[in-house]
């Protein structure tokens, strides 16, 4: 396992057609506590066609890196671009749609900074924090995918599909050459590789409760039933037919 106290945090924000929320999410991420870690923000616009790209270009500064995909490739592809260009000791994913509160990144950081964890998932389902009540069938599908993933990985996660995942740099650098999922298949894929690394090297996986301010499809939610079927295949593929 990685030795040494982390000193810096890279927060990767994949963005696609989020002109209504991008300014607020960047402001929240900039102001969010990082528990003494030097903060680096990486924004990856994934081929937006609503003007988001023009907005994010203006954020580029000393501590904010901006990368633009000419064509829309998907969340997984945007995260790979972010990971490749991140320099922090810890990597965090952050959706751009305000469903996850950046002030809670500190909750995921604590187990790593306390030298208890190497990977931390933020769970929307084991928490006493506010959680917007939305789609039953979406929840059921999410629970089923998590259950199936757990059956293959032998992890006992409650929320494999969460948008909040934090990793020590070493782990992502081991996984990055293997990552291929362009869309939401990233979640089961990275979880499969995390479980393989945990078994091989003894990395510790934790889960903490977070709040969740979900959106409706009318408000801009993008994941759909096709992504659910893709996730099923990804669970099988990356657990049974790949090595780390």
C-alpha atoms as a PDB file:
ATOM      1  CA  UNK A   1       0.000   0.000   0.000  1.00  0.00           C
ATOM      2  CA  UNK A   2       1.036   3.592  -0.560  1.00  0.00           C
ATOM      3  CA  UNK A   3       3.299   5.083   2.085  1.00  0.00           C
ATOM      4  CA  UNK A   4       3.268   8.702   3.175  1.00  0.00           C
ATOM      5  CA  UNK A   5       0.742  11.299   4.229  1.00  0.00           C
ATOM      6  CA  UNK A   6      -1.313  12.699   1.306  1.00  0.00           C
ATOM      7  CA  UNK A   7      -0.693  16.377   0.678  1.00  0.00           C
ATOM      8  CA  UNK A   8      -2.878  17.161  -2.323  1.00  0.00           C
ATOM      9  CA  UNK A   9      -6.326  16.420  -3.742  1.00  0.00           C
ATOM     10  CA  UNK A  10      -7.408  16.336  -7.391  1.00  0.00           C
ATOM     11  CA  UNK A  11     -11.146  16.708  -7.982  1.00  0.00           C
ATOM     12  CA  UNK A  12     -12.195  15.579 -11.454  1.00  0.00           C
ATOM     13  CA  UNK A  13     -15.446  17.042 -12.813  1.00  0.00           C
ATOM     14  CA  UNK A  14     -16.793  15.444 -16.027  1.00  0.00           C
ATOM     15  CA  UNK A  15     -19.228  17.823 -17.714  1.00  0.00           C
ATOM     16  CA  UNK A  16     -21.761  17.415 -20.496  1.00  0.00           C
ATOM     17  CA  UNK A  17     -24.425  20.051 -21.227  1.00  0.00           C
ATOM     18  CA  UNK A  18     -24.510  21.515 -17.715  1.00  0.00           C
ATOM     19  CA  UNK A  19     -24.502  25.258 -18.442  1.00  0.00           C
ATOM     20  CA  UNK A  20     -27.211  25.794 -15.809  1.00  0.00           C
ATOM     21  CA  UNK A  21     -25.191  24.256 -12.979  1.00  0.00           C
ATOM     22  CA  UNK A  22     -21.510  24.404 -13.932  1.00  0.00           C
ATOM     23  CA  UNK A  23     -20.790  27.817 -12.403  1.00  0.00           C
ATOM     24  CA  UNK A  24     -22.366  26.863  -9.086  1.00  0.00           C
ATOM     25  CA  UNK A  25     -20.700  23.458  -8.863  1.00  0.00           C
ATOM     26  CA  UNK A  26     -17.262  24.923  -9.578  1.00  0.00           C
ATOM     27  CA  UNK A  27     -17.837  27.588  -6.922  1.00  0.00           C
ATOM     28  CA  UNK A  28     -18.906  24.926  -4.407  1.00  0.00           C
ATOM     29  CA  UNK A  29     -15.902  22.720  -5.200  1.00  0.00           C
ATOM     30  CA  UNK A  30     -13.521  25.681  -4.855  1.00  0.00           C
ATOM     31  CA  UNK A  31     -14.987  26.577  -1.448  1.00  0.00           C
ATOM     32  CA  UNK A  32     -15.374  23.020  -0.146  1.00  0.00           C
ATOM     33  CA  UNK A  33     -13.097  22.038   2.761  1.00  0.00           C
ATOM     34  CA  UNK A  34     -10.222  19.747   1.789  1.00  0.00           C
ATOM     35  CA  UNK A  35      -8.903  19.055   5.310  1.00  0.00           C
ATOM     36  CA  UNK A  36      -5.577  20.766   4.716  1.00  0.00           C
ATOM     37  CA  UNK A  37      -4.896  19.195   1.321  1.00  0.00           C
ATOM     38  CA  UNK A  38      -3.803  21.390  -1.567  1.00  0.00           C
ATOM     39  CA  UNK A  39      -6.701  21.329  -4.022  1.00  0.00           C
ATOM     40  CA  UNK A  40      -6.531  20.868  -7.783  1.00  0.00           C
ATOM     41  CA  UNK A  41      -9.718  21.023  -9.876  1.00  0.00           C
ATOM     42  CA  UNK A  42      -9.856  19.342 -13.267  1.00  0.00           C
ATOM     43  CA  UNK A  43     -12.855  20.053 -15.510  1.00  0.00           C
ATOM     44  CA  UNK A  44     -13.373  17.864 -18.571  1.00  0.00           C
ATOM     45  CA  UNK A  45     -16.058  19.083 -20.957  1.00  0.00           C
ATOM     46  CA  UNK A  46     -17.231  16.049 -22.883  1.00  0.00           C
ATOM     47  CA  UNK A  47     -18.340  17.628 -26.152  1.00  0.00           C
ATOM     48  CA  UNK A  48     -21.121  19.819 -24.778  1.00  0.00           C
ATOM     49  CA  UNK A  49     -23.317  21.515 -27.383  1.00  0.00           C
ATOM     50  CA  UNK A  50     -25.215  23.912 -25.116  1.00  0.00           C
ATOM     51  CA  UNK A  51     -22.482  26.467 -24.489  1.00  0.00           C
ATOM     52  CA  UNK A  52     -20.990  24.759 -21.438  1.00  0.00           C
ATOM     53  CA  UNK A  53     -17.565  24.536 -23.074  1.00  0.00           C
ATOM     54  CA  UNK A  54     -17.372  28.309 -23.475  1.00  0.00           C
ATOM     55  CA  UNK A  55     -18.176  28.719 -19.796  1.00  0.00           C
ATOM     56  CA  UNK A  56     -15.617  26.232 -18.492  1.00  0.00           C
ATOM     57  CA  UNK A  57     -12.822  27.746 -20.601  1.00  0.00           C
ATOM     58  CA  UNK A  58     -13.090  30.871 -18.450  1.00  0.00           C
ATOM     59  CA  UNK A  59     -12.398  28.875 -15.271  1.00  0.00           C
ATOM     60  CA  UNK A  60      -8.892  27.876 -16.331  1.00  0.00           C
ATOM     61  CA  UNK A  61      -6.356  29.172 -13.814  1.00  0.00           C
ATOM     62  CA  UNK A  62      -3.420  28.103 -11.678  1.00  0.00           C
ATOM     63  CA  UNK A  63      -5.432  25.553  -9.698  1.00  0.00           C
ATOM     64  CA  UNK A  64      -8.106  24.738 -12.284  1.00  0.00           C
ATOM     65  CA  UNK A  65      -7.271  22.733 -15.396  1.00  0.00           C
ATOM     66  CA  UNK A  66      -9.756  22.560 -18.270  1.00  0.00           C
ATOM     67  CA  UNK A  67      -9.844  19.918 -20.999  1.00  0.00           C
ATOM     68  CA  UNK A  68     -12.263  19.792 -23.919  1.00  0.00           C
ATOM     69  CA  UNK A  69     -13.421  16.745 -25.862  1.00  0.00           C
ATOM     70  CA  UNK A  70     -14.401  17.664 -29.411  1.00  0.00           C
ATOM     71  CA  UNK A  71     -17.063  14.949 -29.428  1.00  0.00           C
ATOM     72  CA  UNK A  72     -19.218  13.498 -26.687  1.00  0.00           C
ATOM     73  CA  UNK A  73     -17.665  10.219 -25.521  1.00  0.00           C
ATOM     74  CA  UNK A  74     -19.244   9.640 -22.123  1.00  0.00           C
ATOM     75  CA  UNK A  75     -18.552  10.010 -18.408  1.00  0.00           C
ATOM     76  CA  UNK A  76     -15.975   7.243 -18.306  1.00  0.00           C
ATOM     77  CA  UNK A  77     -13.956   8.784 -21.114  1.00  0.00           C
ATOM     78  CA  UNK A  78     -14.068  12.208 -19.441  1.00  0.00           C
ATOM     79  CA  UNK A  79     -12.870  10.736 -16.138  1.00  0.00           C
ATOM     80  CA  UNK A  80      -9.981   8.989 -17.881  1.00  0.00           C
ATOM     81  CA  UNK A  81      -8.871  12.332 -19.329  1.00  0.00           C
ATOM     82  CA  UNK A  82      -9.082  13.830 -15.851  1.00  0.00           C
ATOM     83  CA  UNK A  83      -7.163  11.008 -14.194  1.00  0.00           C
ATOM     84  CA  UNK A  84      -4.397  11.177 -16.813  1.00  0.00           C
ATOM     85  CA  UNK A  85      -3.845  14.864 -16.078  1.00  0.00           C
ATOM     86  CA  UNK A  86      -4.312  14.844 -12.302  1.00  0.00           C
ATOM     87  CA  UNK A  87      -1.312  15.407 -10.042  1.00  0.00           C
ATOM     88  CA  UNK A  88      -2.841  14.985  -6.568  1.00  0.00           C
ATOM     89  CA  UNK A  89      -2.106  12.281  -3.997  1.00  0.00           C
ATOM     90  CA  UNK A  90      -5.849  11.583  -3.797  1.00  0.00           C
ATOM     91  CA  UNK A  91      -8.332  11.587  -6.686  1.00  0.00           C
ATOM     92  CA  UNK A  92     -12.032  12.387  -6.229  1.00  0.00           C
ATOM     93  CA  UNK A  93     -14.846  12.209  -8.770  1.00  0.00           C
ATOM     94  CA  UNK A  94     -17.447  14.992  -8.756  1.00  0.00           C
ATOM     95  CA  UNK A  95     -20.540  15.165 -10.959  1.00  0.00           C
ATOM     96  CA  UNK A  96     -21.406  18.597 -12.344  1.00  0.00           C
ATOM     97  CA  UNK A  97     -25.162  18.441 -11.814  1.00  0.00           C
ATOM     98  CA  UNK A  98     -25.439  19.429  -8.106  1.00  0.00           C
ATOM     99  CA  UNK A  99     -26.777  15.989  -7.107  1.00  0.00           C
ATOM    100  CA  UNK A 100     -23.771  15.576  -4.803  1.00  0.00           C
ATOM    101  CA  UNK A 101     -22.658  18.212  -2.281  1.00  0.00           C
ATOM    102  CA  UNK A 102     -18.916  19.059  -2.557  1.00  0.00           C
ATOM    103  CA  UNK A 103     -18.906  19.991   1.136  1.00  0.00           C
ATOM    104  CA  UNK A 104     -19.187  16.272   1.832  1.00  0.00           C
ATOM    105  CA  UNK A 105     -15.955  15.353   0.064  1.00  0.00           C
ATOM    106  CA  UNK A 106     -14.349  15.790   3.479  1.00  0.00           C
ATOM    107  CA  UNK A 107     -16.416  12.857   4.769  1.00  0.00           C
ATOM    108  CA  UNK A 108     -14.810  10.591   2.181  1.00  0.00           C
ATOM    109  CA  UNK A 109     -11.347  12.023   2.796  1.00  0.00           C
ATOM    110  CA  UNK A 110     -11.363  11.356   6.541  1.00  0.00           C
ATOM    111  CA  UNK A 111     -10.870   7.545   6.420  1.00  0.00           C
ATOM    112  CA  UNK A 112      -7.941   7.987   4.010  1.00  0.00           C
ATOM    113  CA  UNK A 113      -6.299  10.778   6.003  1.00  0.00           C
ATOM    114  CA  UNK A 114      -6.765   8.699   9.172  1.00  0.00           C
ATOM    115  CA  UNK A 115      -4.823   5.892   7.421  1.00  0.00           C
ATOM    116  CA  UNK A 116      -7.826   3.571   7.586  1.00  0.00           C
ATOM    117  CA  UNK A 117      -8.806   3.406   3.899  1.00  0.00           C
ATOM    118  CA  UNK A 118      -7.362   3.526   0.402  1.00  0.00           C
ATOM    119  CA  UNK A 119     -10.658   3.786  -1.510  1.00  0.00           C
ATOM    120  CA  UNK A 120     -13.871   5.372  -0.217  1.00  0.00           C
ATOM    121  CA  UNK A 121     -17.349   5.224  -1.771  1.00  0.00           C
ATOM    122  CA  UNK A 122     -20.050   7.700  -0.792  1.00  0.00           C
ATOM    123  CA  UNK A 123     -23.289   5.812  -0.230  1.00  0.00           C
ATOM    124  CA  UNK A 124     -26.684   7.404  -0.816  1.00  0.00           C
ATOM    125  CA  UNK A 125     -28.418   4.499   0.897  1.00  0.00           C
ATOM    126  CA  UNK A 126     -26.713   4.034   4.280  1.00  0.00           C
ATOM    127  CA  UNK A 127     -27.048   7.543   5.606  1.00  0.00           C
ATOM    128  CA  UNK A 128     -29.101   9.764   7.877  1.00  0.00           C
ATOM    129  CA  UNK A 129     -28.430  12.740   5.632  1.00  0.00           C
ATOM    130  CA  UNK A 130     -31.078  14.321   3.342  1.00  0.00           C
ATOM    131  CA  UNK A 131     -31.887  12.269   0.251  1.00  0.00           C
ATOM    132  CA  UNK A 132     -34.415  13.338  -2.341  1.00  0.00           C
ATOM    133  CA  UNK A 133     -37.152  10.760  -2.942  1.00  0.00           C
ATOM    134  CA  UNK A 134     -37.385   9.943  -6.642  1.00  0.00           C
ATOM    135  CA  UNK A 135     -37.813   6.910  -8.909  1.00  0.00           C
ATOM    136  CA  UNK A 136     -38.597   3.531  -7.313  1.00  0.00           C
ATOM    137  CA  UNK A 137     -37.572   1.507 -10.370  1.00  0.00           C
ATOM    138  CA  UNK A 138     -34.344   3.446 -10.688  1.00  0.00           C
ATOM    139  CA  UNK A 139     -33.580   2.662  -7.039  1.00  0.00           C
ATOM    140  CA  UNK A 140     -34.451  -0.984  -7.567  1.00  0.00           C
ATOM    141  CA  UNK A 141     -32.208  -1.185 -10.637  1.00  0.00           C
ATOM    142  CA  UNK A 142     -29.379   0.496  -8.747  1.00  0.00           C
ATOM    143  CA  UNK A 143     -29.771  -1.942  -5.862  1.00  0.00           C
ATOM    144  CA  UNK A 144     -29.781  -4.917  -8.221  1.00  0.00           C
ATOM    145  CA  UNK A 145     -26.631  -3.753 -10.007  1.00  0.00           C
ATOM    146  CA  UNK A 146     -24.890  -3.237  -6.672  1.00  0.00           C
ATOM    147  CA  UNK A 147     -25.996  -6.679  -5.499  1.00  0.00           C
ATOM    148  CA  UNK A 148     -24.777  -8.347  -8.693  1.00  0.00           C
ATOM    149  CA  UNK A 149     -21.496  -6.448  -8.564  1.00  0.00           C
ATOM    150  CA  UNK A 150     -20.996  -7.519  -4.951  1.00  0.00           C
ATOM    151  CA  UNK A 151     -21.632 -11.145  -5.884  1.00  0.00           C
ATOM    152  CA  UNK A 152     -18.726 -10.975  -8.343  1.00  0.00           C
ATOM    153  CA  UNK A 153     -16.356  -8.739  -6.368  1.00  0.00           C
ATOM    154  CA  UNK A 154     -17.112 -10.119  -2.879  1.00  0.00           C
ATOM    155  CA  UNK A 155     -17.367  -6.533  -1.616  1.00  0.00           C
ATOM    156  CA  UNK A 156     -20.371  -5.574   0.511  1.00  0.00           C
ATOM    157  CA  UNK A 157     -21.060  -2.137  -0.942  1.00  0.00           C
ATOM    158  CA  UNK A 158     -24.512  -0.575  -0.700  1.00  0.00           C
ATOM    159  CA  UNK A 159     -24.050   1.892  -3.585  1.00  0.00           C
ATOM    160  CA  UNK A 160     -21.714   0.749  -6.363  1.00  0.00           C
ATOM    161  CA  UNK A 161     -23.161   3.331  -8.785  1.00  0.00           C
ATOM    162  CA  UNK A 162     -22.450   6.342  -6.577  1.00  0.00           C
ATOM    163  CA  UNK A 163     -20.968   9.435  -8.203  1.00  0.00           C
ATOM    164  CA  UNK A 164     -18.687  10.001  -5.198  1.00  0.00           C
ATOM    165  CA  UNK A 165     -15.609   7.797  -5.232  1.00  0.00           C
ATOM    166  CA  UNK A 166     -12.225   8.744  -3.787  1.00  0.00           C
ATOM    167  CA  UNK A 167      -8.976   6.881  -4.453  1.00  0.00           C
ATOM    168  CA  UNK A 168      -5.352   7.091  -3.471  1.00  0.00           C
ATOM    169  CA  UNK A 169      -3.358   8.075  -6.537  1.00  0.00           C
ATOM    170  CA  UNK A 170      -1.489   4.772  -6.644  1.00  0.00           C
ATOM    171  CA  UNK A 171      -4.711   2.837  -7.137  1.00  0.00           C
ATOM    172  CA  UNK A 172      -5.969   4.858 -10.099  1.00  0.00           C
ATOM    173  CA  UNK A 173      -2.530   4.724 -11.716  1.00  0.00           C
ATOM    174  CA  UNK A 174      -2.667   0.917 -11.513  1.00  0.00           C
ATOM    175  CA  UNK A 175      -6.209   0.837 -12.901  1.00  0.00           C
ATOM    176  CA  UNK A 176      -5.990   3.583 -15.530  1.00  0.00           C
ATOM    177  CA  UNK A 177      -4.275   1.548 -18.297  1.00  0.00           C
ATOM    178  CA  UNK A 178      -7.102  -0.992 -18.006  1.00  0.00           C
ATOM    179  CA  UNK A 179     -10.077   1.373 -18.083  1.00  0.00           C
ATOM    180  CA  UNK A 180     -12.082   1.260 -21.320  1.00  0.00           C
ATOM    181  CA  UNK A 181     -15.715   2.103 -20.475  1.00  0.00           C
ATOM    182  CA  UNK A 182     -16.752   5.383 -22.057  1.00  0.00           C
ATOM    183  CA  UNK A 183     -20.155   5.877 -20.478  1.00  0.00           C
ATOM    184  CA  UNK A 184     -21.614   4.930 -17.100  1.00  0.00           C
ATOM    185  CA  UNK A 185     -20.007   1.505 -17.343  1.00  0.00           C
ATOM    186  CA  UNK A 186     -17.111   3.217 -15.567  1.00  0.00           C
ATOM    187  CA  UNK A 187     -18.761   2.557 -12.193  1.00  0.00           C
ATOM    188  CA  UNK A 188     -18.900  -1.275 -12.343  1.00  0.00           C
ATOM    189  CA  UNK A 189     -15.607  -1.386 -14.225  1.00  0.00           C
ATOM    190  CA  UNK A 190     -13.603   0.603 -11.693  1.00  0.00           C
ATOM    191  CA  UNK A 191     -15.284  -1.326  -8.870  1.00  0.00           C
ATOM    192  CA  UNK A 192     -14.219  -4.630 -10.427  1.00  0.00           C
ATOM    193  CA  UNK A 193     -10.616  -3.445 -10.631  1.00  0.00           C
ATOM    194  CA  UNK A 194     -10.678  -2.027  -7.103  1.00  0.00           C
ATOM    195  CA  UNK A 195     -11.801  -5.413  -5.783  1.00  0.00           C
ATOM    196  CA  UNK A 196      -9.025  -7.179  -7.708  1.00  0.00           C
ATOM    197  CA  UNK A 197      -6.432  -4.781  -6.298  1.00  0.00           C
ATOM    198  CA  UNK A 198      -7.840  -5.187  -2.790  1.00  0.00           C
ATOM    199  CA  UNK A 199      -7.389  -8.942  -3.009  1.00  0.00           C
ATOM    200  CA  UNK A 200      -3.932  -8.709  -4.580  1.00  0.00           C
ATOM    201  CA  UNK A 201      -2.381  -5.894  -2.558  1.00  0.00           C
ATOM    202  CA  UNK A 202      -4.593  -5.551   0.513  1.00  0.00           C
ATOM    203  CA  UNK A 203      -6.087  -2.161  -0.322  1.00  0.00           C
ATOM    204  CA  UNK A 204      -8.875  -1.187   2.061  1.00  0.00           C
ATOM    205  CA  UNK A 205     -12.285  -0.146   0.746  1.00  0.00           C
ATOM    206  CA  UNK A 206     -14.601   1.962   2.908  1.00  0.00           C
ATOM    207  CA  UNK A 207     -18.068   3.439   2.474  1.00  0.00           C
ATOM    208  CA  UNK A 208     -19.533   6.540   4.139  1.00  0.00           C
ATOM    209  CA  UNK A 209     -23.052   7.955   4.055  1.00  0.00           C
ATOM    210  CA  UNK A 210     -23.710  11.070   1.982  1.00  0.00           C
ATOM    211  CA  UNK A 211     -26.683  13.241   1.090  1.00  0.00           C
ATOM    212  CA  UNK A 212     -28.225  13.110  -2.376  1.00  0.00           C
ATOM    213  CA  UNK A 213     -30.139  15.789  -4.257  1.00  0.00           C
ATOM    214  CA  UNK A 214     -31.190  13.787  -7.301  1.00  0.00           C
ATOM    215  CA  UNK A 215     -32.633  15.284 -10.467  1.00  0.00           C
ATOM    216  CA  UNK A 216     -35.599  14.209 -12.543  1.00  0.00           C
ATOM    217  CA  UNK A 217     -35.217  13.564 -16.267  1.00  0.00           C
ATOM    218  CA  UNK A 218     -37.047  16.844 -16.877  1.00  0.00           C
ATOM    219  CA  UNK A 219     -34.337  18.557 -14.812  1.00  0.00           C
ATOM    220  CA  UNK A 220     -31.550  17.017 -16.868  1.00  0.00           C
ATOM    221  CA  UNK A 221     -30.818  13.533 -15.541  1.00  0.00           C
ATOM    222  CA  UNK A 222     -28.980  11.578 -18.246  1.00  0.00           C
ATOM    223  CA  UNK A 223     -28.582   7.952 -17.193  1.00  0.00           C
ATOM    224  CA  UNK A 224     -31.201   5.632 -18.744  1.00  0.00           C
ATOM    225  CA  UNK A 225     -32.288   2.014 -19.038  1.00  0.00           C
ATOM    226  CA  UNK A 226     -29.745   1.349 -21.806  1.00  0.00           C
ATOM    227  CA  UNK A 227     -26.997   2.273 -19.364  1.00  0.00           C
ATOM    228  CA  UNK A 228     -28.447  -0.246 -16.915  1.00  0.00           C
ATOM    229  CA  UNK A 229     -28.119  -3.068 -19.439  1.00  0.00           C
ATOM    230  CA  UNK A 230     -24.608  -1.919 -20.276  1.00  0.00           C
ATOM    231  CA  UNK A 231     -23.751  -2.005 -16.567  1.00  0.00           C
ATOM    232  CA  UNK A 232     -24.931  -5.628 -16.386  1.00  0.00           C
ATOM    233  CA  UNK A 233     -22.532  -6.607 -19.146  1.00  0.00           C
ATOM    234  CA  UNK A 234     -19.716  -4.574 -17.594  1.00  0.00           C
ATOM    235  CA  UNK A 235     -20.129  -6.362 -14.265  1.00  0.00           C
ATOM    236  CA  UNK A 236     -19.735  -9.739 -15.930  1.00  0.00           C
ATOM    237  CA  UNK A 237     -17.032  -8.672 -18.377  1.00  0.00           C
ATOM    238  CA  UNK A 238     -14.678  -6.863 -16.032  1.00  0.00           C
ATOM    239  CA  UNK A 239     -14.997  -9.327 -13.178  1.00  0.00           C
ATOM    240  CA  UNK A 240     -14.656 -12.539 -15.180  1.00  0.00           C
ATOM    241  CA  UNK A 241     -12.693 -11.698 -18.306  1.00  0.00           C
ATOM    242  CA  UNK A 242     -10.087  -9.133 -17.223  1.00  0.00           C
ATOM    243  CA  UNK A 243      -6.993  -9.194 -15.016  1.00  0.00           C
ATOM    244  CA  UNK A 244      -5.181  -6.498 -13.106  1.00  0.00           C
END
